[in-house]
Protein backbone atom coordinates (compact mmCIF):
# COMPACT_ATOMS: atom_id res chain seq x y z
CA MET A 1 0.00 0.00 0.00
CA SER A 2 1.37 3.47 -0.91
CA GLN A 3 2.07 6.07 1.75
CA MET A 4 -0.84 8.17 0.49
CA ALA A 5 -3.25 5.21 0.47
CA ASP A 6 -2.17 4.23 3.96
CA PHE A 7 -2.63 7.80 5.19
CA LEU A 8 -6.11 8.12 3.68
CA ARG A 9 -7.32 4.67 4.76
CA ASN A 10 -8.71 5.93 8.08
CA VAL A 11 -9.24 9.55 7.13
CA THR A 12 -12.72 11.04 7.46
CA LEU A 13 -12.96 13.61 4.72
CA PRO A 14 -14.94 16.83 5.25
CA THR A 15 -18.52 16.66 4.04
CA MET A 16 -19.35 19.05 1.25
CA PRO A 17 -22.84 20.60 1.27
CA GLU A 18 -25.35 19.84 -1.48
CA VAL A 19 -24.86 23.25 -3.06
CA ALA A 20 -21.14 22.52 -3.52
CA HIS A 21 -21.85 19.22 -5.27
CA GLU A 22 -24.25 20.98 -7.63
CA LEU A 23 -21.65 23.65 -8.42
CA ILE A 24 -18.95 21.01 -8.99
CA LYS A 25 -21.26 19.29 -11.49
CA SER A 26 -21.47 22.54 -13.41
CA LEU A 27 -17.66 22.75 -13.45
CA ASN A 28 -17.62 19.41 -15.27
CA ASP A 29 -20.16 20.60 -17.85
CA GLU A 30 -18.93 23.35 -20.17
CA ASP A 31 -22.49 23.80 -21.44
CA ALA A 32 -24.09 24.01 -17.99
CA PRO A 33 -26.94 26.53 -18.08
CA LEU A 34 -26.85 29.64 -15.93
CA SER A 35 -29.92 28.33 -14.12
CA GLN A 36 -27.84 25.44 -12.70
CA VAL A 37 -25.60 27.89 -10.85
CA ARG A 38 -28.51 30.07 -9.76
CA ASN A 39 -30.62 27.16 -8.51
CA ALA A 40 -27.70 25.67 -6.58
CA ILE A 41 -26.99 28.93 -4.74
CA ALA A 42 -30.70 29.51 -4.08
CA LYS A 43 -30.73 26.28 -2.01
CA ASP A 44 -28.34 27.87 0.49
CA PRO A 45 -29.80 31.11 1.93
CA ALA A 46 -26.58 32.02 3.77
CA LEU A 47 -24.57 31.68 0.57
CA ALA A 48 -27.14 33.73 -1.35
CA VAL A 49 -26.85 36.52 1.23
CA LYS A 50 -23.04 36.51 0.89
CA LEU A 51 -23.39 36.79 -2.89
CA LEU A 52 -25.80 39.73 -2.66
CA ARG A 53 -23.48 41.45 -0.18
CA LEU A 54 -20.57 41.05 -2.61
CA ALA A 55 -22.62 42.31 -5.58
CA ASN A 56 -23.62 45.41 -3.60
CA SER A 57 -20.05 46.14 -2.49
CA ALA A 58 -18.07 49.09 -3.78
CA ARG A 59 -15.95 46.71 -5.85
CA TYR A 60 -18.72 46.24 -8.42
CA GLY A 61 -20.14 49.76 -8.27
CA ALA A 62 -23.74 48.75 -9.00
CA SER A 63 -25.85 51.74 -10.04
CA ARG A 64 -28.79 50.35 -8.06
CA SER A 65 -29.30 47.94 -5.20
CA VAL A 66 -28.86 44.30 -6.26
CA SER A 67 -31.60 42.23 -4.61
CA SER A 68 -31.83 38.97 -6.60
CA ILE A 69 -29.44 36.13 -7.34
CA ASP A 70 -30.01 36.58 -11.08
CA ASP A 71 -29.01 40.25 -10.91
CA ALA A 72 -25.97 39.41 -8.79
CA ILE A 73 -24.82 36.76 -11.28
CA ALA A 74 -25.34 39.19 -14.17
CA LEU A 75 -23.19 41.79 -12.39
CA VAL A 76 -20.42 39.56 -10.99
CA GLY A 77 -20.39 36.93 -13.76
CA ALA A 78 -21.55 33.31 -13.59
CA GLY A 79 -18.05 31.83 -13.63
CA GLN A 80 -16.79 34.01 -10.81
CA VAL A 81 -19.95 33.51 -8.75
CA ARG A 82 -19.57 29.74 -9.01
CA THR A 83 -15.88 29.94 -8.12
CA LEU A 84 -16.40 32.19 -5.09
CA ALA A 85 -19.38 30.15 -3.88
CA LEU A 86 -17.34 26.95 -3.99
CA ALA A 87 -14.51 28.67 -2.12
CA SER A 88 -16.98 29.71 0.58
CA CYS A 89 -18.26 26.13 0.88
CA LEU A 90 -14.69 24.83 1.22
CA ASN A 91 -13.94 27.38 3.92
CA ASP A 92 -16.99 26.29 5.91
CA ALA A 93 -16.33 22.56 5.44
CA PHE A 94 -13.11 22.47 7.48
CA PRO A 95 -13.11 22.77 11.29
CA VAL A 96 -10.84 25.01 13.31
CA MET A 97 -7.48 23.27 13.85
CA PRO A 98 -5.54 23.68 17.11
CA GLY A 99 -2.32 25.53 16.42
CA LEU A 100 -3.49 26.91 13.09
CA ASP A 101 -3.81 30.65 12.50
CA ARG A 102 -7.05 30.34 10.55
CA ASP A 103 -7.11 33.95 9.34
CA ARG A 104 -3.54 33.67 8.05
CA PHE A 105 -4.30 30.31 6.43
CA TRP A 106 -7.24 31.63 4.40
CA HIS A 107 -5.38 34.88 3.70
CA THR A 108 -2.60 32.82 2.10
CA SER A 109 -5.15 30.69 0.25
CA GLN A 110 -6.77 33.80 -1.24
CA THR A 111 -3.36 35.16 -2.14
CA CYS A 112 -2.39 31.93 -3.89
CA GLY A 113 -5.68 31.98 -5.79
CA GLY A 114 -5.06 35.58 -6.78
CA TYR A 115 -1.56 34.93 -8.08
CA ALA A 116 -2.80 31.83 -9.93
CA GLN A 117 -5.53 33.88 -11.60
CA TRP A 118 -3.06 36.65 -12.46
CA LEU A 119 -0.65 34.17 -14.07
CA ALA A 120 -3.41 32.27 -15.86
CA ASN A 121 -4.65 35.51 -17.38
CA SER A 122 -1.14 36.29 -18.67
CA ILE A 123 -0.90 32.96 -20.53
CA GLY A 124 -4.50 32.78 -21.75
CA SER A 125 -5.70 30.03 -19.39
CA ASP A 126 -9.02 29.72 -17.51
CA THR A 127 -8.75 32.39 -14.81
CA ASP A 128 -11.73 31.24 -12.69
CA GLN A 129 -10.43 27.67 -12.58
CA ALA A 130 -6.96 28.95 -11.70
CA TRP A 131 -8.28 31.06 -8.81
CA LEU A 132 -10.33 28.23 -7.34
CA THR A 133 -7.56 25.64 -7.68
CA GLY A 134 -5.03 28.05 -6.15
CA PHE A 135 -7.42 28.70 -3.28
CA MET A 136 -7.81 24.93 -2.73
CA VAL A 137 -4.20 23.78 -2.83
CA ARG A 138 -3.47 24.10 0.91
CA LEU A 139 -6.57 22.18 2.02
CA GLY A 140 -4.50 19.02 2.19
CA GLU A 141 -2.53 20.54 5.06
CA LEU A 142 -5.76 20.75 7.09
CA VAL A 143 -6.38 17.06 6.47
CA MET A 144 -2.81 16.31 7.59
CA ALA A 145 -3.32 18.34 10.78
CA GLN A 146 -6.64 16.66 11.48
CA ASN A 147 -5.26 13.15 11.23
CA ILE A 148 -1.66 13.46 12.47
CA PRO A 149 -1.60 15.45 15.73
CA GLY A 150 1.53 17.54 16.07
CA CYS A 151 2.51 17.60 12.40
CA LEU A 152 1.19 21.11 11.90
CA SER A 153 3.68 22.68 14.29
CA GLU A 154 6.52 20.97 12.43
CA ILE A 155 5.23 22.02 9.00
CA GLU A 156 4.57 25.62 10.03
CA LYS A 157 7.58 26.21 12.30
CA LEU A 158 9.73 29.28 11.74
CA PRO A 159 11.78 30.31 9.91
CA GLN A 160 10.12 29.57 6.60
CA HIS A 161 11.11 30.12 3.01
CA PRO A 162 8.98 29.75 -0.13
CA GLY A 163 8.54 26.05 -0.84
CA CYS A 164 9.56 24.85 2.63
CA ARG A 165 6.12 23.39 3.38
CA TRP A 166 6.50 20.97 0.46
CA GLU A 167 9.92 19.92 1.77
CA ARG A 168 8.70 19.42 5.33
CA GLU A 169 5.55 17.57 4.30
CA SER A 170 7.49 15.23 2.03
CA ALA A 171 10.02 14.54 4.78
CA LEU A 172 7.33 13.88 7.40
CA LEU A 173 4.71 12.05 5.35
CA GLY A 174 6.14 11.21 1.96
CA PHE A 175 3.71 13.45 0.08
CA THR A 176 2.61 17.10 -0.07
CA GLU A 177 -0.51 19.05 0.80
CA GLY A 178 -1.31 19.47 -2.91
CA GLN A 179 -1.30 15.70 -3.41
CA VAL A 180 -3.73 15.26 -0.51
CA THR A 181 -5.91 18.05 -1.91
CA ALA A 182 -5.84 16.27 -5.28
CA GLU A 183 -7.36 13.20 -3.64
CA LEU A 184 -10.03 15.39 -2.00
CA ALA A 185 -10.80 16.93 -5.39
CA ARG A 186 -10.96 13.47 -7.00
CA ARG A 187 -13.41 12.19 -4.40
CA TRP A 188 -15.50 15.33 -4.67
CA GLN A 189 -15.55 14.84 -8.46
CA PHE A 190 -13.81 18.03 -9.51
CA PRO A 191 -12.66 18.12 -13.15
CA GLU A 192 -9.66 15.88 -13.86
CA SER A 193 -7.63 18.91 -14.96
CA VAL A 194 -7.99 20.32 -11.43
CA VAL A 195 -7.01 16.98 -9.84
CA GLN A 196 -3.91 16.65 -12.03
CA ALA A 197 -2.83 20.24 -11.36
CA LEU A 198 -3.11 19.86 -7.60
CA ASP A 199 -1.18 16.60 -7.71
CA ALA A 200 1.62 18.28 -9.69
CA SER A 201 1.68 21.60 -7.82
CA ALA A 202 4.82 20.94 -5.73
CA ASP A 203 6.86 19.52 -8.64
CA PRO A 204 5.22 20.39 -11.97
CA MET A 205 8.20 19.49 -14.12
CA ALA A 206 7.95 15.85 -12.98
CA ALA A 207 4.35 15.51 -14.23
CA ARG A 208 3.77 13.73 -17.53
CA PRO A 209 2.15 15.23 -19.43
CA PHE A 210 3.02 18.71 -18.16
CA SER A 211 0.08 20.41 -16.46
CA ARG A 212 -0.02 24.13 -17.24
CA LEU A 213 -2.33 24.68 -14.31
CA GLY A 214 0.03 22.69 -12.09
CA GLY A 215 2.87 24.98 -13.16
CA VAL A 216 0.72 28.03 -12.46
CA LEU A 217 -0.06 26.70 -8.97
CA HIS A 218 3.63 26.08 -8.27
CA VAL A 219 4.61 29.65 -9.08
CA ALA A 220 1.53 31.09 -7.34
CA GLU A 221 2.30 29.20 -4.13
CA LEU A 222 5.89 30.43 -4.12
CA LEU A 223 4.74 34.03 -4.56
CA ALA A 224 2.00 33.66 -1.92
CA GLN A 225 4.55 32.46 0.65
CA CYS A 226 6.62 35.66 0.32
CA GLU A 227 6.18 38.45 2.86
CA ALA A 228 6.57 40.91 -0.02
CA VAL A 229 7.45 40.51 -3.68
CA ASP A 230 9.88 42.43 -5.87
CA ALA A 231 12.25 41.87 -8.77
CA THR A 232 14.49 39.61 -6.67
CA THR A 233 11.47 37.40 -5.96
CA VAL A 234 11.09 36.75 -9.68
CA ASP A 235 14.81 35.98 -9.95
CA ALA A 236 14.34 33.19 -7.39
CA LEU A 237 11.44 31.52 -9.22
CA PRO A 238 12.22 28.26 -11.07
CA ALA A 239 13.25 29.23 -14.59
CA ASP A 240 12.29 25.84 -16.04
CA VAL A 241 8.69 26.22 -14.85
CA LEU A 242 8.43 29.78 -16.20
CA THR A 243 9.83 28.59 -19.54
CA ALA A 244 7.35 25.70 -19.69
CA LEU A 245 4.52 28.17 -19.02
CA HIS A 246 5.88 30.64 -21.59
CA VAL A 247 5.97 33.35 -18.92
CA ASP A 248 8.49 36.11 -19.52
CA ALA A 249 10.43 36.98 -16.35
CA ASP A 250 10.87 40.61 -17.44
CA TRP A 251 7.09 40.91 -17.84
CA MET A 252 6.62 39.50 -14.34
CA ARG A 253 9.07 42.00 -12.85
CA GLU A 254 7.24 44.88 -14.52
CA HIS A 255 3.72 43.75 -13.61
CA LEU A 256 4.24 42.05 -10.25
CA VAL A 257 1.35 42.60 -7.83
CA GLN A 258 1.51 42.68 -4.03
CA ALA A 259 -0.47 40.04 -2.12
CA GLN A 260 -2.88 42.51 -0.51
CA ALA A 261 -4.48 43.16 -3.90
CA PHE A 262 -5.87 39.61 -3.84
CA VAL A 263 -7.33 39.54 -0.33
CA GLU A 264 -10.83 40.33 0.96
CA SER A 265 -12.30 41.66 -2.29
CA THR A 266 -12.11 38.28 -4.01
CA THR A 267 -14.05 36.01 -1.70
CA LEU A 268 -17.51 35.53 -0.23
CA HIS A 269 -17.16 36.11 3.51
């Protein structure tokens, strides 16, 4: 039995609400009607309220009060609504973990999603899928903490450098948080492209075939783990991954965005 299979054998995975399963089904169907997203969100009053609050926020600058799910979807966009709603469901599905700074955890998750979306946009990939997958990638760490008491303090100990969580997780368990999240995504029936990207996120160049989204996640996680980013941050990024993604390092230096731009305004809370 593999290390991952042995780890997951007695793991109780978080239960996803019905609305999340309906939204995941729409992710797997490129021709899913708008009504599928609307009807799914309508089943969860708390989620609907969060969506209306977001649509009425200054970020979207609505000229009138938005009071229906249909109007909110029209303003925010169906793809982004589905992505943010799923992120909210994922946030609610995981319990508070002793020793985990929950605010910092979700802050980093939003940041990773933001950098993934930013990179995906630069290479012409699906930006909503990139944001959601980037937001999800650290969920595996919560499963590790839930099932192996004490591992969280070892994984999160200071000092840290970008990429150190992958190193520590591999040393402790033989696999990374992204690989655990990939198994979650597989069991929850996310699209296979999402599963493959999560599985490859810590070492995208080892994946065959190469997953562009996995490469995006790798770079996004490295950027999200930095206290601040500048030209030297780009210099430290893996050149082989940037080359495989066809991302120009000079472009990144010129257009690099600070993490705070991706937090708060890009989630349902």
